[in-house]
C-alpha atoms as a PDB file:
ATOM      1  CA  UNK A   1     178.026 -19.554-344.842  1.00  0.00           C
ATOM      2  CA  UNK A   2     179.105 -19.429-348.520  1.00  0.00           C
ATOM      3  CA  UNK A   3     182.575 -18.270-347.539  1.00  0.00           C
ATOM      4  CA  UNK A   4     182.803 -21.155-345.095  1.00  0.00           C
ATOM      5  CA  UNK A   5     182.067 -23.582-347.974  1.00  0.00           C
ATOM      6  CA  UNK A   6     184.854 -22.123-350.110  1.00  0.00           C
ATOM      7  CA  UNK A   7     182.815 -19.794-352.384  1.00  0.00           C
ATOM      8  CA  UNK A   8     184.043 -16.337-353.272  1.00  0.00           C
ATOM      9  CA  UNK A   9     181.453 -13.855-352.138  1.00  0.00           C
ATOM     10  CA  UNK A  10     181.002 -10.231-353.204  1.00  0.00           C
ATOM     11  CA  UNK A  11     179.176  -8.476-350.385  1.00  0.00           C
ATOM     12  CA  UNK A  12     177.824  -5.654-352.564  1.00  0.00           C
ATOM     13  CA  UNK A  13     176.420  -8.114-355.107  1.00  0.00           C
ATOM     14  CA  UNK A  14     174.674 -10.088-352.388  1.00  0.00           C
ATOM     15  CA  UNK A  15     173.054  -6.899-351.121  1.00  0.00           C
ATOM     16  CA  UNK A  16     171.821  -6.094-354.652  1.00  0.00           C
ATOM     17  CA  UNK A  17     170.337  -9.577-354.970  1.00  0.00           C
ATOM     18  CA  UNK A  18     168.552  -9.158-351.656  1.00  0.00           C
ATOM     19  CA  UNK A  19     167.089  -5.882-352.910  1.00  0.00           C
ATOM     20  CA  UNK A  20     166.047  -7.383-356.286  1.00  0.00           C
ATOM     21  CA  UNK A  21     164.173 -10.166-354.514  1.00  0.00           C
ATOM     22  CA  UNK A  22     162.471  -7.718-352.170  1.00  0.00           C
ATOM     23  CA  UNK A  23     164.157  -9.218-349.161  1.00  0.00           C
ATOM     24  CA  UNK A  24     164.900  -7.183-346.089  1.00  0.00           C
ATOM     25  CA  UNK A  25     168.588  -6.822-345.439  1.00  0.00           C
ATOM     26  CA  UNK A  26     169.820  -7.578-341.920  1.00  0.00           C
ATOM     27  CA  UNK A  27     170.606  -4.381-340.014  1.00  0.00           C
ATOM     28  CA  UNK A  28     174.198  -3.349-339.635  1.00  0.00           C
ATOM     29  CA  UNK A  29     175.495  -3.701-336.103  1.00  0.00           C
ATOM     30  CA  UNK A  30     177.172  -0.529-334.944  1.00  0.00           C
ATOM     31  CA  UNK A  31     179.850  -0.638-332.314  1.00  0.00           C
ATOM     32  CA  UNK A  32     178.908   1.120-329.105  1.00  0.00           C
ATOM     33  CA  UNK A  33     180.484   4.550-329.047  1.00  0.00           C
ATOM     34  CA  UNK A  34     182.762   5.143-326.119  1.00  0.00           C
ATOM     35  CA  UNK A  35     181.724   8.341-324.401  1.00  0.00           C
ATOM     36  CA  UNK A  36     185.103   9.419-323.192  1.00  0.00           C
ATOM     37  CA  UNK A  37     188.792   8.554-323.089  1.00  0.00           C
ATOM     38  CA  UNK A  38     189.612   5.237-321.495  1.00  0.00           C
ATOM     39  CA  UNK A  39     192.815   3.506-320.557  1.00  0.00           C
ATOM     40  CA  UNK A  40     194.644   4.409-323.754  1.00  0.00           C
ATOM     41  CA  UNK A  41     194.604   8.143-323.010  1.00  0.00           C
ATOM     42  CA  UNK A  42     195.083   8.024-319.261  1.00  0.00           C
ATOM     43  CA  UNK A  43     197.485  10.648-317.938  1.00  0.00           C
ATOM     44  CA  UNK A  44     199.507  10.404-314.729  1.00  0.00           C
ATOM     45  CA  UNK A  45     197.881  12.268-311.852  1.00  0.00           C
ATOM     46  CA  UNK A  46     200.351  14.791-310.435  1.00  0.00           C
ATOM     47  CA  UNK A  47     198.341  17.428-308.544  1.00  0.00           C
ATOM     48  CA  UNK A  48     195.217  17.945-306.437  1.00  0.00           C
ATOM     49  CA  UNK A  49     191.916  18.366-308.273  1.00  0.00           C
ATOM     50  CA  UNK A  50     193.377  17.047-311.509  1.00  0.00           C
ATOM     51  CA  UNK A  51     191.040  14.039-311.400  1.00  0.00           C
ATOM     52  CA  UNK A  52     188.010  13.391-309.246  1.00  0.00           C
ATOM     53  CA  UNK A  53     186.739   9.813-309.413  1.00  0.00           C
ATOM     54  CA  UNK A  54     183.050   8.928-308.985  1.00  0.00           C
ATOM     55  CA  UNK A  55     181.349   5.669-308.152  1.00  0.00           C
ATOM     56  CA  UNK A  56     178.254   4.278-306.442  1.00  0.00           C
ATOM     57  CA  UNK A  57     177.883   1.637-303.746  1.00  0.00           C
ATOM     58  CA  UNK A  58     174.686  -0.081-302.676  1.00  0.00           C
ATOM     59  CA  UNK A  59     173.403  -1.163-299.274  1.00  0.00           C
ATOM     60  CA  UNK A  60     170.038  -1.383-297.498  1.00  0.00           C
ATOM     61  CA  UNK A  61     168.362   0.110-294.459  1.00  0.00           C
ATOM     62  CA  UNK A  62     166.947  -2.128-291.731  1.00  0.00           C
ATOM     63  CA  UNK A  63     163.592  -2.305-293.528  1.00  0.00           C
ATOM     64  CA  UNK A  64     165.256  -3.847-296.591  1.00  0.00           C
ATOM     65  CA  UNK A  65     164.982  -0.755-298.788  1.00  0.00           C
ATOM     66  CA  UNK A  66     167.934   0.061-301.013  1.00  0.00           C
ATOM     67  CA  UNK A  67     170.254   2.971-300.408  1.00  0.00           C
ATOM     68  CA  UNK A  68     173.028   4.055-302.749  1.00  0.00           C
ATOM     69  CA  UNK A  69     176.134   5.938-301.730  1.00  0.00           C
ATOM     70  CA  UNK A  70     177.783   8.274-304.215  1.00  0.00           C
ATOM     71  CA  UNK A  71     181.501   8.480-303.474  1.00  0.00           C
ATOM     72  CA  UNK A  72     183.722  11.184-304.950  1.00  0.00           C
ATOM     73  CA  UNK A  73     187.456  11.105-304.274  1.00  0.00           C
ATOM     74  CA  UNK A  74     190.480  13.113-305.351  1.00  0.00           C
ATOM     75  CA  UNK A  75     192.806  10.618-307.049  1.00  0.00           C
ATOM     76  CA  UNK A  76     195.966  12.504-306.101  1.00  0.00           C
ATOM     77  CA  UNK A  77     195.335  13.284-302.425  1.00  0.00           C
ATOM     78  CA  UNK A  78     193.012  10.279-301.823  1.00  0.00           C
ATOM     79  CA  UNK A  79     190.590  12.652-300.079  1.00  0.00           C
ATOM     80  CA  UNK A  80     186.999  11.501-299.855  1.00  0.00           C
ATOM     81  CA  UNK A  81     185.350  14.695-301.066  1.00  0.00           C
ATOM     82  CA  UNK A  82     181.830  13.425-300.475  1.00  0.00           C
ATOM     83  CA  UNK A  83     180.084  10.215-299.476  1.00  0.00           C
ATOM     84  CA  UNK A  84     176.362  10.824-299.796  1.00  0.00           C
ATOM     85  CA  UNK A  85     173.529   8.335-299.308  1.00  0.00           C
ATOM     86  CA  UNK A  86     170.235   8.467-301.219  1.00  0.00           C
ATOM     87  CA  UNK A  87     167.527   6.000-302.145  1.00  0.00           C
ATOM     88  CA  UNK A  88     168.540   6.374-305.786  1.00  0.00           C
ATOM     89  CA  UNK A  89     170.708   8.577-307.959  1.00  0.00           C
ATOM     90  CA  UNK A  90     169.810  10.208-311.252  1.00  0.00           C
ATOM     91  CA  UNK A  91     172.152  12.147-313.506  1.00  0.00           C
ATOM     92  CA  UNK A  92     170.532  15.410-312.374  1.00  0.00           C
ATOM     93  CA  UNK A  93     171.018  14.515-308.709  1.00  0.00           C
ATOM     94  CA  UNK A  94     174.646  13.577-309.377  1.00  0.00           C
ATOM     95  CA  UNK A  95     175.273  16.919-311.092  1.00  0.00           C
ATOM     96  CA  UNK A  96     173.607  18.777-308.212  1.00  0.00           C
ATOM     97  CA  UNK A  97     175.861  17.038-305.692  1.00  0.00           C
ATOM     98  CA  UNK A  98     178.990  17.784-307.729  1.00  0.00           C
ATOM     99  CA  UNK A  99     178.026  21.448-307.854  1.00  0.00           C
ATOM    100  CA  UNK A 100     177.405  21.389-304.103  1.00  0.00           C
ATOM    101  CA  UNK A 101     180.878  19.966-303.476  1.00  0.00           C
ATOM    102  CA  UNK A 102     182.513  22.464-305.842  1.00  0.00           C
ATOM    103  CA  UNK A 103     180.724  25.355-304.140  1.00  0.00           C
ATOM    104  CA  UNK A 104     181.667  24.087-300.684  1.00  0.00           C
ATOM    105  CA  UNK A 105     185.356  23.539-301.535  1.00  0.00           C
ATOM    106  CA  UNK A 106     185.768  26.568-303.788  1.00  0.00           C
ATOM    107  CA  UNK A 107     187.503  24.548-306.489  1.00  0.00           C
ATOM    108  CA  UNK A 108     186.541  22.209-309.311  1.00  0.00           C
ATOM    109  CA  UNK A 109     188.221  19.211-310.985  1.00  0.00           C
ATOM    110  CA  UNK A 110     189.987  19.275-314.324  1.00  0.00           C
ATOM    111  CA  UNK A 111     188.657  15.760-315.081  1.00  0.00           C
ATOM    112  CA  UNK A 112     186.065  13.425-313.632  1.00  0.00           C
ATOM    113  CA  UNK A 113     186.705   9.693-313.961  1.00  0.00           C
ATOM    114  CA  UNK A 114     183.736   7.309-313.922  1.00  0.00           C
ATOM    115  CA  UNK A 115     182.286   4.160-315.430  1.00  0.00           C
ATOM    116  CA  UNK A 116     179.683   3.861-318.177  1.00  0.00           C
ATOM    117  CA  UNK A 117     176.655   3.485-315.896  1.00  0.00           C
ATOM    118  CA  UNK A 118     173.400   5.124-317.047  1.00  0.00           C
ATOM    119  CA  UNK A 119     173.555   7.908-314.449  1.00  0.00           C
ATOM    120  CA  UNK A 120     177.057   8.849-315.571  1.00  0.00           C
ATOM    121  CA  UNK A 121     176.561   8.753-319.341  1.00  0.00           C
ATOM    122  CA  UNK A 122     173.283  10.682-319.411  1.00  0.00           C
ATOM    123  CA  UNK A 123     173.088  14.010-321.236  1.00  0.00           C
ATOM    124  CA  UNK A 124     172.690  15.959-317.991  1.00  0.00           C
ATOM    125  CA  UNK A 125     176.119  14.978-316.703  1.00  0.00           C
ATOM    126  CA  UNK A 126     177.876  15.297-320.047  1.00  0.00           C
ATOM    127  CA  UNK A 127     176.308  18.722-320.581  1.00  0.00           C
ATOM    128  CA  UNK A 128     177.405  19.800-317.111  1.00  0.00           C
ATOM    129  CA  UNK A 129     180.973  18.682-317.824  1.00  0.00           C
ATOM    130  CA  UNK A 130     181.056  20.491-321.160  1.00  0.00           C
ATOM    131  CA  UNK A 131     179.638  23.774-319.899  1.00  0.00           C
ATOM    132  CA  UNK A 132     181.745  23.775-316.727  1.00  0.00           C
ATOM    133  CA  UNK A 133     184.972  23.079-318.591  1.00  0.00           C
ATOM    134  CA  UNK A 134     185.498  19.717-316.883  1.00  0.00           C
ATOM    135  CA  UNK A 135     186.755  16.861-319.051  1.00  0.00           C
ATOM    136  CA  UNK A 136     185.169  13.426-318.699  1.00  0.00           C
ATOM    137  CA  UNK A 137     187.341  10.308-318.472  1.00  0.00           C
ATOM    138  CA  UNK A 138     185.137   7.242-318.894  1.00  0.00           C
ATOM    139  CA  UNK A 139     186.741   3.904-318.134  1.00  0.00           C
ATOM    140  CA  UNK A 140     186.368   1.049-320.596  1.00  0.00           C
ATOM    141  CA  UNK A 141     183.240  -1.087-320.046  1.00  0.00           C
ATOM    142  CA  UNK A 142     183.874  -3.979-317.671  1.00  0.00           C
ATOM    143  CA  UNK A 143     187.226  -2.545-316.544  1.00  0.00           C
ATOM    144  CA  UNK A 144     186.806  -1.348-312.937  1.00  0.00           C
ATOM    145  CA  UNK A 145     190.575  -1.503-312.397  1.00  0.00           C
ATOM    146  CA  UNK A 146     190.858   1.593-314.595  1.00  0.00           C
ATOM    147  CA  UNK A 147     189.128   3.437-311.751  1.00  0.00           C
ATOM    148  CA  UNK A 148     191.518   1.849-309.292  1.00  0.00           C
ATOM    149  CA  UNK A 149     191.754   4.593-306.681  1.00  0.00           C
ATOM    150  CA  UNK A 150     187.993   4.760-306.334  1.00  0.00           C
ATOM    151  CA  UNK A 151     187.727   0.964-306.273  1.00  0.00           C
ATOM    152  CA  UNK A 152     190.308   0.875-303.476  1.00  0.00           C
ATOM    153  CA  UNK A 153     188.344   3.475-301.531  1.00  0.00           C
ATOM    154  CA  UNK A 154     185.126   1.551-302.126  1.00  0.00           C
ATOM    155  CA  UNK A 155     186.713  -1.579-300.688  1.00  0.00           C
ATOM    156  CA  UNK A 156     187.780   0.260-297.569  1.00  0.00           C
ATOM    157  CA  UNK A 157     184.388   1.946-297.245  1.00  0.00           C
ATOM    158  CA  UNK A 158     182.658  -1.409-297.603  1.00  0.00           C
ATOM    159  CA  UNK A 159     184.870  -3.296-295.137  1.00  0.00           C
ATOM    160  CA  UNK A 160     185.226  -0.604-292.480  1.00  0.00           C
ATOM    161  CA  UNK A 161     181.804   1.029-292.689  1.00  0.00           C
ATOM    162  CA  UNK A 162     179.076  -0.781-294.605  1.00  0.00           C
ATOM    163  CA  UNK A 163     179.986  -4.178-293.147  1.00  0.00           C
ATOM    164  CA  UNK A 164     179.934  -2.873-289.575  1.00  0.00           C
ATOM    165  CA  UNK A 165     176.908  -0.557-289.517  1.00  0.00           C
ATOM    166  CA  UNK A 166     173.172  -1.150-289.688  1.00  0.00           C
ATOM    167  CA  UNK A 167     171.091   1.809-290.807  1.00  0.00           C
ATOM    168  CA  UNK A 168     167.598   2.259-289.444  1.00  0.00           C
ATOM    169  CA  UNK A 169     166.870   5.230-291.698  1.00  0.00           C
ATOM    170  CA  UNK A 170     168.329   7.019-294.697  1.00  0.00           C
ATOM    171  CA  UNK A 171     169.150  10.013-292.499  1.00  0.00           C
ATOM    172  CA  UNK A 172     171.127   7.815-290.128  1.00  0.00           C
ATOM    173  CA  UNK A 173     173.109   6.426-293.069  1.00  0.00           C
ATOM    174  CA  UNK A 174     173.889   9.962-294.256  1.00  0.00           C
ATOM    175  CA  UNK A 175     175.062  11.135-290.826  1.00  0.00           C
ATOM    176  CA  UNK A 176     177.198   8.071-290.116  1.00  0.00           C
ATOM    177  CA  UNK A 177     178.758   8.145-293.594  1.00  0.00           C
ATOM    178  CA  UNK A 178     179.739  11.788-293.152  1.00  0.00           C
ATOM    179  CA  UNK A 179     181.309  11.026-289.751  1.00  0.00           C
ATOM    180  CA  UNK A 180     183.287   8.166-291.313  1.00  0.00           C
ATOM    181  CA  UNK A 181     184.410  10.373-294.237  1.00  0.00           C
ATOM    182  CA  UNK A 182     185.768  13.059-291.903  1.00  0.00           C
ATOM    183  CA  UNK A 183     187.623  10.470-289.833  1.00  0.00           C
ATOM    184  CA  UNK A 184     189.027   8.873-293.006  1.00  0.00           C
ATOM    185  CA  UNK A 185     190.394  12.180-294.309  1.00  0.00           C
ATOM    186  CA  UNK A 186     191.705  13.419-290.972  1.00  0.00           C
ATOM    187  CA  UNK A 187     193.004  10.391-289.077  1.00  0.00           C
ATOM    188  CA  UNK A 188     193.724   7.571-291.567  1.00  0.00           C
ATOM    189  CA  UNK A 189     197.351   7.625-292.814  1.00  0.00           C
ATOM    190  CA  UNK A 190     198.131   6.106-296.218  1.00  0.00           C
ATOM    191  CA  UNK A 191     201.349   4.354-297.133  1.00  0.00           C
ATOM    192  CA  UNK A 192     201.029   5.725-300.678  1.00  0.00           C
ATOM    193  CA  UNK A 193     200.961   9.251-299.218  1.00  0.00           C
ATOM    194  CA  UNK A 194     204.170   8.841-297.241  1.00  0.00           C
ATOM    195  CA  UNK A 195     202.312   7.927-294.073  1.00  0.00           C
ATOM    196  CA  UNK A 196     200.215  11.103-294.131  1.00  0.00           C
ATOM    197  CA  UNK A 197     196.460  11.358-293.981  1.00  0.00           C
ATOM    198  CA  UNK A 198     194.702  12.637-297.112  1.00  0.00           C
ATOM    199  CA  UNK A 199     194.040  16.001-295.471  1.00  0.00           C
ATOM    200  CA  UNK A 200     197.631  16.378-294.269  1.00  0.00           C
ATOM    201  CA  UNK A 201     199.026  15.286-297.638  1.00  0.00           C
ATOM    202  CA  UNK A 202     197.052  17.943-299.479  1.00  0.00           C
ATOM    203  CA  UNK A 203     198.201  20.638-297.044  1.00  0.00           C
ATOM    204  CA  UNK A 204     201.824  19.478-297.333  1.00  0.00           C
ATOM    205  CA  UNK A 205     201.707  19.403-301.147  1.00  0.00           C
ATOM    206  CA  UNK A 206     200.181  22.872-301.363  1.00  0.00           C
ATOM    207  CA  UNK A 207     202.795  24.204-298.954  1.00  0.00           C
ATOM    208  CA  UNK A 208     205.540  22.836-301.199  1.00  0.00           C
ATOM    209  CA  UNK A 209     204.086  23.967-304.528  1.00  0.00           C
ATOM    210  CA  UNK A 210     202.257  27.227-303.933  1.00  0.00           C
ATOM    211  CA  UNK A 211     204.348  30.408-303.929  1.00  0.00           C
ATOM    212  CA  UNK A 212     204.644  32.127-300.571  1.00  0.00           C
ATOM    213  CA  UNK A 213     202.491  35.210-300.111  1.00  0.00           C
ATOM    214  CA  UNK A 214     204.439  38.440-299.698  1.00  0.00           C
END
């Protein structure tokens, strides 16, 4: 206020005066620490399993109860690695599913890209990433376009699946989502993949880049 009225103000002196008068100084506001690299350090994705992207989508069963789908995709091949429905997701449950996918596929990502939601910034997930040697790539808050491949998948999943199905039970949602995921990977060609399906694109890329066995 003093600066606004044209006075020269020494911040340190004002703080001393507050202390001399026994007044409580206003707390300093700390900027929220970003938990991982955002847009500024984004690298081009050039190979399978370089970046897996994670995100959640919400729907309801016929009784009005919430269900949340955890989607994990490979940014390079566009494969939907898992689409799993649950009533809710914690960081521990997310880690358990990632480990399940890694065990099933026999490979793990170099990076995981995700937003700053509470399930994805909790210690359990960050500890898992650190101990497993997987780097975390958090997008900037309020910037879903930085997770563009996953957002594109979410839009397709919403329009082609969630908008057309009604789930009577959680189990039904899980079964139908898995059927849709398999069809998406196996039978849905992508223009960005040269007209190949995600599954075929991965196989083609590996055939071109892995040395022949002798």
